[in-house]
């Protein structure tokens, strides 16, 4: 009975992770893994690590200066 409860929780959390931002998704998938371990079942959540976000370019120094500064 308790195993079914944790399996259901893990499945619900995975569903929420599909719609979440990358940071929240990673945390929800880790939570699902913990629920799976409590249910006695190996995790079926797949990889919890996401690829790193695309690199951002640093803006030019001229765009960082305030009014009257050069």
Protein backbone atom coordinates (compact mmCIF):
# COMPACT_ATOMS: atom_id res chain seq x y z
CA UNK A 1 0.00 0.00 0.00
CA UNK A 2 2.73 2.46 0.96
CA UNK A 3 4.72 1.49 -2.12
CA UNK A 4 1.80 2.43 -4.38
CA UNK A 5 1.53 5.78 -2.63
CA UNK A 6 5.18 6.66 -3.31
CA UNK A 7 4.98 5.41 -6.89
CA UNK A 8 2.00 7.71 -7.47
CA UNK A 9 3.84 10.65 -5.93
CA UNK A 10 6.89 10.01 -8.11
CA UNK A 11 4.74 9.91 -11.23
CA UNK A 12 2.94 13.13 -10.28
CA UNK A 13 6.22 14.91 -9.59
CA UNK A 14 7.61 13.81 -12.97
CA UNK A 15 4.54 15.25 -14.67
CA UNK A 16 5.13 18.58 -12.96
CA UNK A 17 8.82 18.47 -13.94
CA UNK A 18 7.89 18.29 -17.63
CA UNK A 19 6.39 21.77 -17.42
CA UNK A 20 8.95 23.34 -15.08
CA UNK A 21 11.99 25.52 -15.70
CA UNK A 22 15.38 23.73 -15.76
CA UNK A 23 16.28 24.48 -12.13
CA UNK A 24 12.94 23.32 -10.78
CA UNK A 25 12.88 20.33 -13.15
CA UNK A 26 16.19 19.06 -11.80
CA UNK A 27 14.94 19.33 -8.22
CA UNK A 28 11.63 17.66 -9.01
CA UNK A 29 13.33 14.76 -10.79
CA UNK A 30 15.61 14.28 -7.78
CA UNK A 31 12.54 14.21 -5.57
CA UNK A 32 10.92 11.61 -7.85
CA UNK A 33 14.03 9.46 -7.49
CA UNK A 34 13.73 9.60 -3.71
CA UNK A 35 10.07 8.60 -3.92
CA UNK A 36 11.03 5.72 -6.22
CA UNK A 37 13.61 4.49 -3.72
CA UNK A 38 10.95 4.53 -0.98
CA UNK A 39 8.61 2.51 -3.16
CA UNK A 40 11.29 -0.15 -3.61
CA UNK A 41 11.46 0.44 -7.34
CA UNK A 42 14.50 1.65 -9.29
CA UNK A 43 14.16 5.14 -10.68
CA UNK A 44 12.63 5.46 -14.13
CA UNK A 45 13.04 9.21 -14.30
CA UNK A 46 15.94 9.11 -16.70
CA UNK A 47 18.83 11.52 -16.50
CA UNK A 48 18.46 14.23 -13.90
CA UNK A 49 21.29 16.34 -15.24
CA UNK A 50 20.38 18.81 -17.90
CA UNK A 51 22.80 20.26 -20.44
CA UNK A 52 24.31 23.58 -19.36
CA UNK A 53 22.44 26.68 -20.51
CA UNK A 54 23.59 28.40 -23.68
CA UNK A 55 26.53 30.69 -23.04
CA UNK A 56 25.73 34.35 -22.70
CA UNK A 57 27.80 37.02 -24.31
CA UNK A 58 29.06 39.87 -22.19
CA UNK A 59 27.66 43.23 -23.29
CA UNK A 60 30.09 45.79 -24.63
CA UNK A 61 31.54 48.14 -22.01
CA UNK A 62 29.92 51.11 -23.74
CA UNK A 63 26.46 49.73 -22.93
CA UNK A 64 27.37 49.51 -19.23
CA UNK A 65 28.21 53.16 -18.72
CA UNK A 66 25.64 55.50 -17.27
CA UNK A 67 24.61 58.93 -18.55
CA UNK A 68 27.50 61.35 -18.76
CA UNK A 69 30.09 58.59 -18.42
CA UNK A 70 32.40 57.58 -21.25
